[in-house]
Amino acid sequence: MSTMRALPVGDHALLVELGSSEEVEALHAELLRRRAAGTLPAVREIVPAARTVLLDGLDDPGRFAERLTGWEIPPLSPGVRGAIEIPVRYDGPDLAAVAGLWGVPHDEVGRIHSATEFRVAFCGFAPGFGYLTGLPERYTVPRRDTPRTAVPAGAVALAGAYTGVYPRSSPGGWQLIGSTRAVLWDHARVPAALLTPGARVRFVPEEL
C-alpha cells in the first residue's frame, strides 16, 4: 500500500490511516480474511470508514501496528459472485440531472449503474446505510445545492463517488436516481443490516 499510518487510540485500539478508499477496502478485506483463518490477533471490532480502519479491543495495539507494516495486502478480487442483489426502479426525481452531469440519455443512467460492481466501503449516517463504491471517477456527482427535507425510505442515491440507499425517511442532499423495495434495516432480522462493510452489491433493474 502506498500510505499507511497506525495511531494508538486509548489503551486497546488502533486507528489505521490510509491514502484512499480502495486501500481501506483492501485492508478491511484482508483483516476479515485473517480473522476467519484464525491468524489475526483477538480484536473486538473492525470499523472501516472513508480513509481509516479502526481496530478496537486489541491486547497490544503497538505490537500489532509493527506487524501490520510488514503485511502484503492483495488488491480486491474482481467479480460479483455472492453479491447482494437489490431490485431498483430507475425512476428518481434527479435522474435527468444526473444524466446531464454524465452526458448520457436518461435511460443510460440505469444501464451504467446496474452494470457496475459495488462494494460496501463503510456504513454510517443512519442504521443500515452503506456507502457503496464502484462507479468510475467520471460518474462522480455533487450533492444537491438544496437538500430535501424528507427523502423516502428505499431511495437509491448518488453523492460524490458513492451510491447509497436510504434505509428510512430522512432529510438528505444526495441525487435520487431510483427506488427499491428492499429492506435495508430490520431489527427483527439477524443481522439487522442488509449491507455490511466489504459486502458486494449489484443493482437489478425492475420494469417501470
N, C-alpha and C. Protein backbone atom coordinates (compact mmCIF):
# COMPACT_ATOMS: atom_id res chain seq x y z
N MET A 1 0.84 -1.19 0.00
CA MET A 1 0.00 0.00 0.00
C MET A 1 0.88 1.25 0.00
N SER A 2 0.41 2.28 -0.68
CA SER A 2 1.23 3.47 -0.84
C SER A 2 1.42 4.22 0.47
N THR A 3 0.38 4.31 1.26
CA THR A 3 0.48 5.03 2.53
C THR A 3 -0.30 4.29 3.60
N MET A 4 0.29 4.20 4.77
CA MET A 4 -0.39 3.60 5.90
C MET A 4 0.24 4.15 7.17
N ARG A 5 -0.61 4.65 8.08
CA ARG A 5 -0.12 5.14 9.36
C ARG A 5 -1.03 4.62 10.45
N ALA A 6 -0.45 3.98 11.45
CA ALA A 6 -1.22 3.40 12.55
C ALA A 6 -1.04 4.25 13.80
N LEU A 7 -2.15 4.71 14.36
CA LEU A 7 -2.12 5.58 15.52
C LEU A 7 -2.85 4.92 16.68
N PRO A 8 -2.23 4.88 17.89
CA PRO A 8 -2.94 4.31 19.04
C PRO A 8 -4.11 5.19 19.46
N VAL A 9 -5.17 4.54 19.87
CA VAL A 9 -6.36 5.23 20.39
C VAL A 9 -6.68 4.61 21.74
N GLY A 10 -6.33 5.29 22.81
CA GLY A 10 -6.50 4.71 24.13
C GLY A 10 -5.56 3.54 24.32
N ASP A 11 -5.94 2.63 25.21
CA ASP A 11 -5.08 1.51 25.56
C ASP A 11 -5.27 0.28 24.69
N HIS A 12 -6.41 0.19 24.00
CA HIS A 12 -6.72 -1.07 23.32
C HIS A 12 -7.24 -0.90 21.90
N ALA A 13 -6.98 0.25 21.29
CA ALA A 13 -7.48 0.47 19.93
C ALA A 13 -6.38 1.06 19.06
N LEU A 14 -6.56 0.89 17.75
CA LEU A 14 -5.60 1.36 16.77
C LEU A 14 -6.39 1.94 15.60
N LEU A 15 -6.01 3.15 15.18
CA LEU A 15 -6.63 3.78 14.02
C LEU A 15 -5.61 3.75 12.89
N VAL A 16 -5.96 3.05 11.81
CA VAL A 16 -5.07 2.94 10.66
C VAL A 16 -5.52 3.92 9.60
N GLU A 17 -4.67 4.88 9.27
CA GLU A 17 -4.97 5.86 8.23
C GLU A 17 -4.37 5.39 6.91
N LEU A 18 -5.17 5.52 5.83
CA LEU A 18 -4.75 5.07 4.51
C LEU A 18 -4.95 6.17 3.48
N GLY A 19 -4.40 5.96 2.29
CA GLY A 19 -4.40 7.01 1.29
C GLY A 19 -5.62 7.09 0.41
N SER A 20 -6.45 6.06 0.40
CA SER A 20 -7.61 6.06 -0.49
C SER A 20 -8.66 5.09 0.03
N SER A 21 -9.87 5.23 -0.49
CA SER A 21 -10.93 4.31 -0.10
C SER A 21 -10.64 2.90 -0.60
N GLU A 22 -9.93 2.78 -1.75
CA GLU A 22 -9.58 1.46 -2.26
C GLU A 22 -8.62 0.75 -1.31
N GLU A 23 -7.69 1.50 -0.73
CA GLU A 23 -6.77 0.90 0.23
C GLU A 23 -7.50 0.49 1.50
N VAL A 24 -8.46 1.30 1.92
CA VAL A 24 -9.28 0.94 3.08
C VAL A 24 -10.00 -0.38 2.83
N GLU A 25 -10.63 -0.50 1.67
CA GLU A 25 -11.39 -1.70 1.36
C GLU A 25 -10.49 -2.93 1.28
N ALA A 26 -9.30 -2.77 0.70
CA ALA A 26 -8.38 -3.90 0.61
C ALA A 26 -7.90 -4.33 1.98
N LEU A 27 -7.56 -3.37 2.84
CA LEU A 27 -7.12 -3.72 4.19
C LEU A 27 -8.26 -4.35 4.98
N HIS A 28 -9.44 -3.81 4.86
CA HIS A 28 -10.59 -4.39 5.58
C HIS A 28 -10.83 -5.82 5.15
N ALA A 29 -10.76 -6.07 3.84
CA ALA A 29 -10.96 -7.44 3.34
C ALA A 29 -9.89 -8.38 3.87
N GLU A 30 -8.63 -7.89 3.95
CA GLU A 30 -7.55 -8.73 4.45
C GLU A 30 -7.71 -9.00 5.94
N LEU A 31 -8.14 -8.01 6.70
CA LEU A 31 -8.38 -8.21 8.13
C LEU A 31 -9.46 -9.27 8.35
N LEU A 32 -10.53 -9.19 7.59
CA LEU A 32 -11.61 -10.18 7.73
C LEU A 32 -11.12 -11.57 7.31
N ARG A 33 -10.31 -11.63 6.26
CA ARG A 33 -9.79 -12.93 5.81
C ARG A 33 -8.92 -13.56 6.89
N ARG A 34 -8.04 -12.75 7.48
CA ARG A 34 -7.15 -13.28 8.51
C ARG A 34 -7.92 -13.65 9.78
N ARG A 35 -8.95 -12.88 10.11
CA ARG A 35 -9.74 -13.25 11.29
C ARG A 35 -10.45 -14.58 11.06
N ALA A 36 -11.01 -14.77 9.85
CA ALA A 36 -11.69 -16.03 9.54
C ALA A 36 -10.72 -17.21 9.55
N ALA A 37 -9.46 -16.95 9.18
CA ALA A 37 -8.44 -18.01 9.15
C ALA A 37 -7.81 -18.25 10.51
N GLY A 38 -8.14 -17.40 11.48
CA GLY A 38 -7.60 -17.57 12.82
C GLY A 38 -6.18 -17.04 12.98
N THR A 39 -5.72 -16.18 12.05
CA THR A 39 -4.36 -15.66 12.12
C THR A 39 -4.31 -14.20 12.53
N LEU A 40 -5.44 -13.64 12.89
CA LEU A 40 -5.50 -12.24 13.34
C LEU A 40 -5.55 -12.22 14.86
N PRO A 41 -4.76 -11.36 15.52
CA PRO A 41 -4.87 -11.25 16.98
C PRO A 41 -6.30 -10.90 17.38
N ALA A 42 -6.67 -11.30 18.59
CA ALA A 42 -8.03 -11.05 19.06
C ALA A 42 -8.36 -9.56 18.96
N VAL A 43 -9.48 -9.25 18.33
CA VAL A 43 -9.94 -7.88 18.17
C VAL A 43 -11.46 -7.88 18.28
N ARG A 44 -12.00 -6.93 19.02
CA ARG A 44 -13.44 -6.90 19.25
C ARG A 44 -14.20 -6.32 18.06
N GLU A 45 -13.69 -5.23 17.50
CA GLU A 45 -14.39 -4.57 16.40
C GLU A 45 -13.41 -4.13 15.33
N ILE A 46 -13.85 -4.23 14.06
CA ILE A 46 -13.12 -3.71 12.92
C ILE A 46 -14.07 -2.78 12.19
N VAL A 47 -13.76 -1.48 12.19
CA VAL A 47 -14.71 -0.48 11.69
C VAL A 47 -14.05 0.34 10.58
N PRO A 48 -14.38 0.08 9.31
CA PRO A 48 -13.83 0.89 8.22
C PRO A 48 -14.59 2.19 8.07
N ALA A 49 -13.90 3.22 7.57
CA ALA A 49 -14.51 4.49 7.23
C ALA A 49 -13.94 4.92 5.87
N ALA A 50 -14.07 6.19 5.52
CA ALA A 50 -13.65 6.63 4.19
C ALA A 50 -12.15 6.49 3.97
N ARG A 51 -11.35 6.83 4.97
CA ARG A 51 -9.89 6.77 4.82
C ARG A 51 -9.21 6.09 6.01
N THR A 52 -9.96 5.44 6.88
CA THR A 52 -9.39 4.82 8.07
C THR A 52 -10.04 3.48 8.36
N VAL A 53 -9.34 2.68 9.14
CA VAL A 53 -9.90 1.46 9.72
C VAL A 53 -9.58 1.48 11.21
N LEU A 54 -10.59 1.36 12.04
CA LEU A 54 -10.41 1.33 13.49
C LEU A 54 -10.48 -0.12 13.97
N LEU A 55 -9.47 -0.52 14.74
CA LEU A 55 -9.46 -1.84 15.37
C LEU A 55 -9.55 -1.62 16.87
N ASP A 56 -10.60 -2.14 17.48
CA ASP A 56 -10.82 -1.93 18.90
C ASP A 56 -10.80 -3.27 19.63
N GLY A 57 -10.28 -3.25 20.87
CA GLY A 57 -10.23 -4.46 21.67
C GLY A 57 -8.95 -5.25 21.50
N LEU A 58 -7.89 -4.60 21.04
CA LEU A 58 -6.59 -5.27 20.91
C LEU A 58 -5.87 -5.34 22.26
N ASP A 59 -5.19 -6.44 22.52
CA ASP A 59 -4.41 -6.55 23.75
C ASP A 59 -3.17 -5.67 23.71
N ASP A 60 -2.54 -5.60 22.53
CA ASP A 60 -1.29 -4.84 22.40
C ASP A 60 -1.30 -4.10 21.07
N PRO A 61 -1.93 -2.92 21.00
CA PRO A 61 -2.02 -2.18 19.74
C PRO A 61 -0.66 -1.84 19.14
N GLY A 62 0.32 -1.50 19.99
CA GLY A 62 1.64 -1.15 19.48
C GLY A 62 2.30 -2.29 18.74
N ARG A 63 2.23 -3.47 19.30
CA ARG A 63 2.85 -4.63 18.66
C ARG A 63 2.11 -4.98 17.36
N PHE A 64 0.79 -4.85 17.38
CA PHE A 64 0.04 -5.15 16.16
C PHE A 64 0.39 -4.14 15.07
N ALA A 65 0.58 -2.87 15.44
CA ALA A 65 0.95 -1.85 14.45
C ALA A 65 2.27 -2.20 13.78
N GLU A 66 3.24 -2.71 14.56
CA GLU A 66 4.52 -3.11 13.99
C GLU A 66 4.36 -4.26 13.00
N ARG A 67 3.52 -5.22 13.34
CA ARG A 67 3.29 -6.36 12.45
C ARG A 67 2.57 -5.92 11.18
N LEU A 68 1.65 -4.99 11.33
CA LEU A 68 0.81 -4.55 10.21
C LEU A 68 1.64 -3.96 9.08
N THR A 69 2.71 -3.23 9.42
CA THR A 69 3.52 -2.58 8.40
C THR A 69 4.23 -3.58 7.49
N GLY A 70 4.36 -4.82 7.92
CA GLY A 70 5.01 -5.84 7.11
C GLY A 70 4.06 -6.70 6.29
N TRP A 71 2.78 -6.43 6.38
CA TRP A 71 1.81 -7.24 5.65
C TRP A 71 1.88 -6.99 4.15
N GLU A 72 1.68 -8.05 3.38
CA GLU A 72 1.42 -7.93 1.94
C GLU A 72 -0.09 -8.00 1.76
N ILE A 73 -0.68 -6.90 1.34
CA ILE A 73 -2.15 -6.83 1.25
C ILE A 73 -2.55 -6.90 -0.22
N PRO A 74 -3.19 -7.99 -0.64
CA PRO A 74 -3.55 -8.13 -2.05
C PRO A 74 -4.67 -7.17 -2.43
N PRO A 75 -4.73 -6.80 -3.72
CA PRO A 75 -5.85 -5.97 -4.18
C PRO A 75 -7.15 -6.74 -4.10
N LEU A 76 -8.24 -6.00 -4.13
CA LEU A 76 -9.55 -6.64 -4.09
C LEU A 76 -9.75 -7.49 -5.33
N SER A 77 -10.35 -8.65 -5.14
CA SER A 77 -10.59 -9.53 -6.27
C SER A 77 -11.82 -9.07 -7.04
N PRO A 78 -11.81 -9.18 -8.37
CA PRO A 78 -12.96 -8.77 -9.16
C PRO A 78 -14.07 -9.80 -9.11
N GLY A 79 -15.20 -9.43 -9.72
CA GLY A 79 -16.32 -10.35 -9.81
C GLY A 79 -17.40 -10.06 -8.80
N VAL A 80 -18.60 -10.53 -9.07
CA VAL A 80 -19.74 -10.27 -8.21
C VAL A 80 -20.32 -11.55 -7.62
N ARG A 81 -19.53 -12.62 -7.60
CA ARG A 81 -20.04 -13.87 -7.03
C ARG A 81 -20.42 -13.64 -5.57
N GLY A 82 -21.61 -14.07 -5.22
CA GLY A 82 -22.08 -13.89 -3.87
C GLY A 82 -22.58 -12.49 -3.57
N ALA A 83 -22.80 -11.68 -4.61
CA ALA A 83 -23.23 -10.31 -4.39
C ALA A 83 -24.67 -10.27 -3.89
N ILE A 84 -24.95 -9.28 -3.05
CA ILE A 84 -26.32 -8.99 -2.64
C ILE A 84 -27.01 -8.29 -3.79
N GLU A 85 -28.16 -8.78 -4.19
CA GLU A 85 -28.90 -8.16 -5.29
C GLU A 85 -30.01 -7.28 -4.73
N ILE A 86 -30.03 -6.03 -5.19
CA ILE A 86 -31.04 -5.07 -4.76
C ILE A 86 -31.87 -4.66 -5.97
N PRO A 87 -33.16 -5.01 -5.99
CA PRO A 87 -34.00 -4.58 -7.11
C PRO A 87 -34.20 -3.08 -7.07
N VAL A 88 -34.17 -2.44 -8.23
CA VAL A 88 -34.30 -0.98 -8.26
C VAL A 88 -35.09 -0.55 -9.49
N ARG A 89 -35.95 0.42 -9.27
CA ARG A 89 -36.65 1.09 -10.36
C ARG A 89 -35.96 2.43 -10.57
N TYR A 90 -35.43 2.64 -11.75
CA TYR A 90 -34.73 3.89 -12.02
C TYR A 90 -35.74 4.97 -12.40
N ASP A 91 -36.34 5.51 -11.35
CA ASP A 91 -37.43 6.48 -11.52
C ASP A 91 -37.24 7.71 -10.62
N GLY A 92 -36.01 7.96 -10.19
CA GLY A 92 -35.76 9.04 -9.23
C GLY A 92 -35.95 10.43 -9.81
N PRO A 93 -36.30 11.39 -8.97
CA PRO A 93 -36.53 12.76 -9.43
C PRO A 93 -35.28 13.48 -9.93
N ASP A 94 -34.09 12.97 -9.60
CA ASP A 94 -32.86 13.60 -10.05
C ASP A 94 -32.23 12.85 -11.23
N LEU A 95 -32.97 11.93 -11.82
CA LEU A 95 -32.42 11.12 -12.91
C LEU A 95 -31.99 12.00 -14.08
N ALA A 96 -32.81 13.00 -14.43
CA ALA A 96 -32.47 13.88 -15.55
C ALA A 96 -31.22 14.70 -15.24
N ALA A 97 -31.12 15.17 -13.99
CA ALA A 97 -29.95 15.97 -13.61
C ALA A 97 -28.68 15.13 -13.68
N VAL A 98 -28.75 13.90 -13.21
CA VAL A 98 -27.59 13.02 -13.25
C VAL A 98 -27.22 12.69 -14.69
N ALA A 99 -28.22 12.43 -15.53
CA ALA A 99 -27.96 12.15 -16.94
C ALA A 99 -27.23 13.34 -17.59
N GLY A 100 -27.64 14.55 -17.22
CA GLY A 100 -26.98 15.73 -17.76
C GLY A 100 -25.53 15.83 -17.29
N LEU A 101 -25.30 15.55 -16.02
CA LEU A 101 -23.94 15.59 -15.49
C LEU A 101 -23.05 14.53 -16.13
N TRP A 102 -23.64 13.39 -16.42
CA TRP A 102 -22.88 12.31 -17.04
C TRP A 102 -22.75 12.48 -18.55
N GLY A 103 -23.63 13.31 -19.14
CA GLY A 103 -23.63 13.49 -20.58
C GLY A 103 -24.16 12.29 -21.33
N VAL A 104 -25.22 11.66 -20.78
CA VAL A 104 -25.82 10.47 -21.39
C VAL A 104 -27.34 10.63 -21.42
N PRO A 105 -28.05 9.86 -22.26
CA PRO A 105 -29.51 9.86 -22.21
C PRO A 105 -30.01 9.34 -20.87
N HIS A 106 -31.25 9.66 -20.54
CA HIS A 106 -31.82 9.27 -19.24
C HIS A 106 -31.72 7.78 -18.99
N ASP A 107 -32.07 6.97 -20.00
CA ASP A 107 -32.11 5.52 -19.77
C ASP A 107 -30.72 4.91 -19.62
N GLU A 108 -29.67 5.66 -19.99
CA GLU A 108 -28.32 5.16 -19.82
C GLU A 108 -27.87 5.17 -18.37
N VAL A 109 -28.46 6.05 -17.55
CA VAL A 109 -28.07 6.13 -16.15
C VAL A 109 -28.30 4.78 -15.47
N GLY A 110 -29.49 4.23 -15.65
CA GLY A 110 -29.79 2.94 -15.06
C GLY A 110 -28.93 1.82 -15.61
N ARG A 111 -28.66 1.86 -16.90
CA ARG A 111 -27.83 0.81 -17.50
C ARG A 111 -26.42 0.85 -16.93
N ILE A 112 -25.84 2.05 -16.84
CA ILE A 112 -24.47 2.19 -16.31
C ILE A 112 -24.44 1.77 -14.85
N HIS A 113 -25.41 2.25 -14.09
CA HIS A 113 -25.42 1.98 -12.65
C HIS A 113 -25.60 0.49 -12.37
N SER A 114 -26.52 -0.15 -13.06
CA SER A 114 -26.81 -1.56 -12.79
C SER A 114 -25.74 -2.49 -13.34
N ALA A 115 -24.89 -1.99 -14.25
CA ALA A 115 -23.80 -2.81 -14.78
C ALA A 115 -22.55 -2.74 -13.91
N THR A 116 -22.60 -1.95 -12.86
CA THR A 116 -21.43 -1.71 -12.01
C THR A 116 -21.37 -2.68 -10.84
N GLU A 117 -20.18 -3.17 -10.54
CA GLU A 117 -19.96 -3.95 -9.33
C GLU A 117 -19.69 -2.99 -8.18
N PHE A 118 -20.50 -3.06 -7.14
CA PHE A 118 -20.34 -2.20 -5.98
C PHE A 118 -19.81 -3.00 -4.80
N ARG A 119 -19.19 -2.28 -3.89
CA ARG A 119 -18.73 -2.86 -2.64
C ARG A 119 -19.05 -1.87 -1.52
N VAL A 120 -19.52 -2.39 -0.39
CA VAL A 120 -19.81 -1.53 0.76
C VAL A 120 -18.49 -1.14 1.39
N ALA A 121 -18.12 0.14 1.24
CA ALA A 121 -16.85 0.62 1.79
C ALA A 121 -16.94 0.78 3.30
N PHE A 122 -18.04 1.37 3.76
CA PHE A 122 -18.26 1.55 5.19
C PHE A 122 -19.72 1.92 5.39
N CYS A 123 -20.16 1.95 6.63
CA CYS A 123 -21.55 2.26 6.96
C CYS A 123 -21.60 3.45 7.91
N GLY A 124 -22.71 4.14 7.90
CA GLY A 124 -22.86 5.30 8.77
C GLY A 124 -24.09 6.09 8.40
N PHE A 125 -24.19 7.30 8.92
CA PHE A 125 -25.28 8.24 8.67
C PHE A 125 -26.56 7.79 9.35
N ALA A 126 -27.00 6.58 9.07
CA ALA A 126 -28.20 6.02 9.70
C ALA A 126 -28.03 4.50 9.75
N PRO A 127 -28.66 3.81 10.69
CA PRO A 127 -28.56 2.35 10.74
C PRO A 127 -28.97 1.72 9.41
N GLY A 128 -28.08 0.91 8.86
CA GLY A 128 -28.37 0.24 7.61
C GLY A 128 -27.90 0.97 6.37
N PHE A 129 -27.37 2.19 6.52
CA PHE A 129 -26.93 2.96 5.35
C PHE A 129 -25.49 2.60 5.02
N GLY A 130 -25.27 2.09 3.81
CA GLY A 130 -23.94 1.74 3.36
C GLY A 130 -23.44 2.70 2.30
N TYR A 131 -22.16 3.05 2.38
CA TYR A 131 -21.52 3.86 1.35
C TYR A 131 -20.88 2.92 0.35
N LEU A 132 -21.44 2.86 -0.86
CA LEU A 132 -21.03 1.88 -1.86
C LEU A 132 -20.11 2.53 -2.89
N THR A 133 -18.98 1.88 -3.14
CA THR A 133 -18.05 2.35 -4.16
C THR A 133 -18.10 1.42 -5.36
N GLY A 134 -17.62 1.92 -6.50
CA GLY A 134 -17.58 1.10 -7.70
C GLY A 134 -17.71 1.90 -8.97
N LEU A 135 -18.47 3.00 -8.95
CA LEU A 135 -18.63 3.81 -10.14
C LEU A 135 -17.30 4.48 -10.50
N PRO A 136 -16.92 4.49 -11.78
CA PRO A 136 -15.69 5.18 -12.18
C PRO A 136 -15.75 6.66 -11.81
N GLU A 137 -14.58 7.26 -11.71
CA GLU A 137 -14.48 8.65 -11.25
C GLU A 137 -15.26 9.61 -12.13
N ARG A 138 -15.38 9.31 -13.42
CA ARG A 138 -16.08 10.23 -14.32
C ARG A 138 -17.57 10.33 -14.00
N TYR A 139 -18.10 9.41 -13.18
CA TYR A 139 -19.51 9.46 -12.82
C TYR A 139 -19.73 10.07 -11.43
N THR A 140 -18.71 10.68 -10.87
CA THR A 140 -18.87 11.40 -9.61
C THR A 140 -19.83 12.57 -9.80
N VAL A 141 -20.76 12.74 -8.88
CA VAL A 141 -21.73 13.84 -8.97
C VAL A 141 -21.76 14.60 -7.64
N PRO A 142 -22.06 15.90 -7.69
CA PRO A 142 -22.13 16.67 -6.44
C PRO A 142 -23.44 16.42 -5.72
N ARG A 143 -23.47 16.75 -4.45
CA ARG A 143 -24.74 16.77 -3.73
C ARG A 143 -25.63 17.87 -4.29
N ARG A 144 -26.89 17.79 -4.02
CA ARG A 144 -27.82 18.84 -4.43
C ARG A 144 -27.48 20.15 -3.72
N ASP A 145 -27.69 21.26 -4.41
CA ASP A 145 -27.46 22.57 -3.79
C ASP A 145 -28.39 22.78 -2.59
N THR A 146 -29.62 22.29 -2.73
CA THR A 146 -30.60 22.42 -1.65
C THR A 146 -31.04 21.02 -1.21
N PRO A 147 -30.66 20.57 -0.02
CA PRO A 147 -31.09 19.24 0.44
C PRO A 147 -32.61 19.17 0.58
N ARG A 148 -33.14 17.96 0.42
CA ARG A 148 -34.56 17.74 0.65
C ARG A 148 -34.82 17.59 2.14
N THR A 149 -35.96 18.05 2.58
CA THR A 149 -36.32 17.90 3.99
C THR A 149 -36.72 16.47 4.31
N ALA A 150 -37.15 15.71 3.29
CA ALA A 150 -37.53 14.31 3.51
C ALA A 150 -37.25 13.50 2.26
N VAL A 151 -36.41 12.49 2.40
CA VAL A 151 -36.14 11.53 1.34
C VAL A 151 -36.79 10.22 1.75
N PRO A 152 -37.57 9.60 0.88
CA PRO A 152 -38.28 8.38 1.28
C PRO A 152 -37.36 7.19 1.50
N ALA A 153 -37.77 6.29 2.36
CA ALA A 153 -37.04 5.04 2.55
C ALA A 153 -36.98 4.29 1.23
N GLY A 154 -35.83 3.68 0.95
CA GLY A 154 -35.67 2.92 -0.28
C GLY A 154 -35.14 3.74 -1.45
N ALA A 155 -34.93 5.05 -1.25
CA ALA A 155 -34.40 5.87 -2.33
C ALA A 155 -32.96 5.47 -2.63
N VAL A 156 -32.65 5.27 -3.91
CA VAL A 156 -31.30 4.94 -4.36
C VAL A 156 -30.66 6.24 -4.83
N ALA A 157 -29.49 6.57 -4.28
CA ALA A 157 -28.97 7.91 -4.46
C ALA A 157 -27.48 7.92 -4.71
N LEU A 158 -27.00 9.04 -5.29
CA LEU A 158 -25.60 9.25 -5.58
C LEU A 158 -25.13 10.54 -4.92
N ALA A 159 -23.88 10.54 -4.46
CA ALA A 159 -23.23 11.75 -3.96
C ALA A 159 -21.73 11.53 -3.98
N GLY A 160 -21.00 12.43 -4.61
CA GLY A 160 -19.57 12.23 -4.74
C GLY A 160 -19.30 10.93 -5.48
N ALA A 161 -18.43 10.10 -4.92
CA ALA A 161 -18.10 8.83 -5.55
C ALA A 161 -18.97 7.68 -5.05
N TYR A 162 -19.95 7.98 -4.21
CA TYR A 162 -20.71 6.92 -3.52
C TYR A 162 -22.13 6.76 -4.05
N THR A 163 -22.61 5.51 -3.94
CA THR A 163 -24.02 5.19 -4.07
C THR A 163 -24.53 4.78 -2.70
N GLY A 164 -25.76 5.14 -2.38
CA GLY A 164 -26.36 4.75 -1.12
C GLY A 164 -27.84 4.49 -1.28
N VAL A 165 -28.40 3.77 -0.33
CA VAL A 165 -29.85 3.53 -0.29
C VAL A 165 -30.34 3.97 1.08
N TYR A 166 -31.30 4.89 1.08
CA TYR A 166 -31.82 5.40 2.35
C TYR A 166 -32.63 4.30 3.05
N PRO A 167 -32.22 3.90 4.25
CA PRO A 167 -32.95 2.83 4.95
C PRO A 167 -34.25 3.29 5.58
N ARG A 168 -34.40 4.60 5.78
CA ARG A 168 -35.62 5.16 6.35
C ARG A 168 -35.77 6.58 5.84
N SER A 169 -36.94 7.14 6.01
CA SER A 169 -37.18 8.51 5.59
C SER A 169 -36.34 9.46 6.45
N SER A 170 -35.67 10.40 5.78
CA SER A 170 -34.83 11.35 6.49
C SER A 170 -34.48 12.49 5.56
N PRO A 171 -34.02 13.62 6.10
CA PRO A 171 -33.51 14.67 5.22
C PRO A 171 -32.29 14.16 4.46
N GLY A 172 -32.02 14.76 3.30
CA GLY A 172 -30.85 14.31 2.55
C GLY A 172 -30.59 15.16 1.34
N GLY A 173 -29.32 15.25 0.96
CA GLY A 173 -28.93 16.06 -0.18
C GLY A 173 -28.34 15.27 -1.34
N TRP A 174 -28.51 13.93 -1.31
CA TRP A 174 -27.97 13.12 -2.40
C TRP A 174 -28.89 13.19 -3.61
N GLN A 175 -28.33 12.87 -4.78
CA GLN A 175 -29.08 12.86 -6.03
C GLN A 175 -29.86 11.54 -6.13
N LEU A 176 -31.18 11.63 -6.22
CA LEU A 176 -32.03 10.43 -6.21
C LEU A 176 -32.25 9.92 -7.63
N ILE A 177 -31.79 8.70 -7.90
CA ILE A 177 -31.92 8.14 -9.25
C ILE A 177 -32.89 6.98 -9.33
N GLY A 178 -33.33 6.46 -8.18
CA GLY A 178 -34.22 5.32 -8.24
C GLY A 178 -34.81 4.98 -6.88
N SER A 179 -35.49 3.84 -6.82
CA SER A 179 -36.10 3.39 -5.57
C SER A 179 -36.09 1.88 -5.53
N THR A 180 -36.07 1.33 -4.31
CA THR A 180 -36.07 -0.12 -4.13
C THR A 180 -37.06 -0.51 -3.05
N ARG A 181 -37.56 -1.72 -3.17
CA ARG A 181 -38.44 -2.28 -2.14
C ARG A 181 -37.65 -3.09 -1.11
N ALA A 182 -36.34 -3.21 -1.31
CA ALA A 182 -35.50 -3.95 -0.36
C ALA A 182 -35.51 -3.25 1.00
N VAL A 183 -35.49 -4.05 2.06
CA VAL A 183 -35.47 -3.52 3.43
C VAL A 183 -34.01 -3.49 3.88
N LEU A 184 -33.49 -2.28 4.07
CA LEU A 184 -32.07 -2.14 4.41
C LEU A 184 -31.80 -2.39 5.89
N TRP A 185 -32.78 -2.11 6.74
CA TRP A 185 -32.59 -2.29 8.19
C TRP A 185 -33.85 -2.89 8.78
N ASP A 186 -33.70 -4.04 9.43
CA ASP A 186 -34.82 -4.72 10.05
C ASP A 186 -34.33 -5.28 11.39
N HIS A 187 -34.76 -4.65 12.49
CA HIS A 187 -34.25 -5.06 13.80
C HIS A 187 -34.62 -6.49 14.16
N ALA A 188 -35.63 -7.05 13.47
CA ALA A 188 -36.02 -8.44 13.74
C ALA A 188 -35.19 -9.44 12.92
N ARG A 189 -34.34 -8.93 12.03
CA ARG A 189 -33.51 -9.79 11.19
C ARG A 189 -32.11 -9.92 11.80
N VAL A 190 -31.46 -11.04 11.54
CA VAL A 190 -30.09 -11.24 12.02
C VAL A 190 -29.20 -11.55 10.81
N PRO A 191 -28.26 -10.62 10.45
CA PRO A 191 -28.08 -9.31 11.08
C PRO A 191 -29.15 -8.33 10.65
N ALA A 192 -29.34 -7.28 11.43
CA ALA A 192 -30.39 -6.31 11.12
C ALA A 192 -30.11 -5.55 9.83
N ALA A 193 -28.82 -5.30 9.54
CA ALA A 193 -28.43 -4.55 8.35
C ALA A 193 -28.28 -5.48 7.15
N LEU A 194 -28.91 -5.11 6.04
CA LEU A 194 -28.73 -5.88 4.81
C LEU A 194 -27.31 -5.72 4.28
N LEU A 195 -26.75 -4.51 4.42
CA LEU A 195 -25.42 -4.21 3.89
C LEU A 195 -24.42 -4.05 5.03
N THR A 196 -23.30 -4.72 4.91
CA THR A 196 -22.23 -4.62 5.90
C THR A 196 -20.93 -4.34 5.17
N PRO A 197 -19.94 -3.71 5.82
CA PRO A 197 -18.69 -3.38 5.15
C PRO A 197 -18.05 -4.59 4.49
N GLY A 198 -17.62 -4.39 3.25
CA GLY A 198 -16.98 -5.45 2.49
C GLY A 198 -17.92 -6.22 1.59
N ALA A 199 -19.22 -6.12 1.81
CA ALA A 199 -20.18 -6.88 1.01
C ALA A 199 -20.22 -6.35 -0.42
N ARG A 200 -20.40 -7.25 -1.36
CA ARG A 200 -20.58 -6.86 -2.76
C ARG A 200 -22.07 -6.70 -3.03
N VAL A 201 -22.37 -5.75 -3.90
CA VAL A 201 -23.76 -5.40 -4.17
C VAL A 201 -23.96 -5.22 -5.67
N ARG A 202 -25.08 -5.70 -6.15
CA ARG A 202 -25.46 -5.49 -7.55
C ARG A 202 -26.91 -4.99 -7.58
N PHE A 203 -27.14 -3.93 -8.34
CA PHE A 203 -28.49 -3.39 -8.50
C PHE A 203 -29.12 -4.00 -9.73
N VAL A 204 -30.32 -4.54 -9.56
CA VAL A 204 -31.02 -5.25 -10.64
C VAL A 204 -32.22 -4.42 -11.07
N PRO A 205 -32.23 -3.93 -12.32
CA PRO A 205 -33.34 -3.06 -12.75
C PRO A 205 -34.68 -3.80 -12.78
N GLU A 206 -35.70 -3.10 -12.36
CA GLU A 206 -37.08 -3.58 -12.46
C GLU A 206 -37.80 -2.75 -13.51
N GLU A 207 -38.82 -3.34 -14.11
CA GLU A 207 -39.61 -2.60 -15.09
C GLU A 207 -40.41 -1.49 -14.39
N LEU A 208 -40.48 -0.34 -15.05
CA LEU A 208 -41.26 0.77 -14.51
C LEU A 208 -42.74 0.54 -14.78
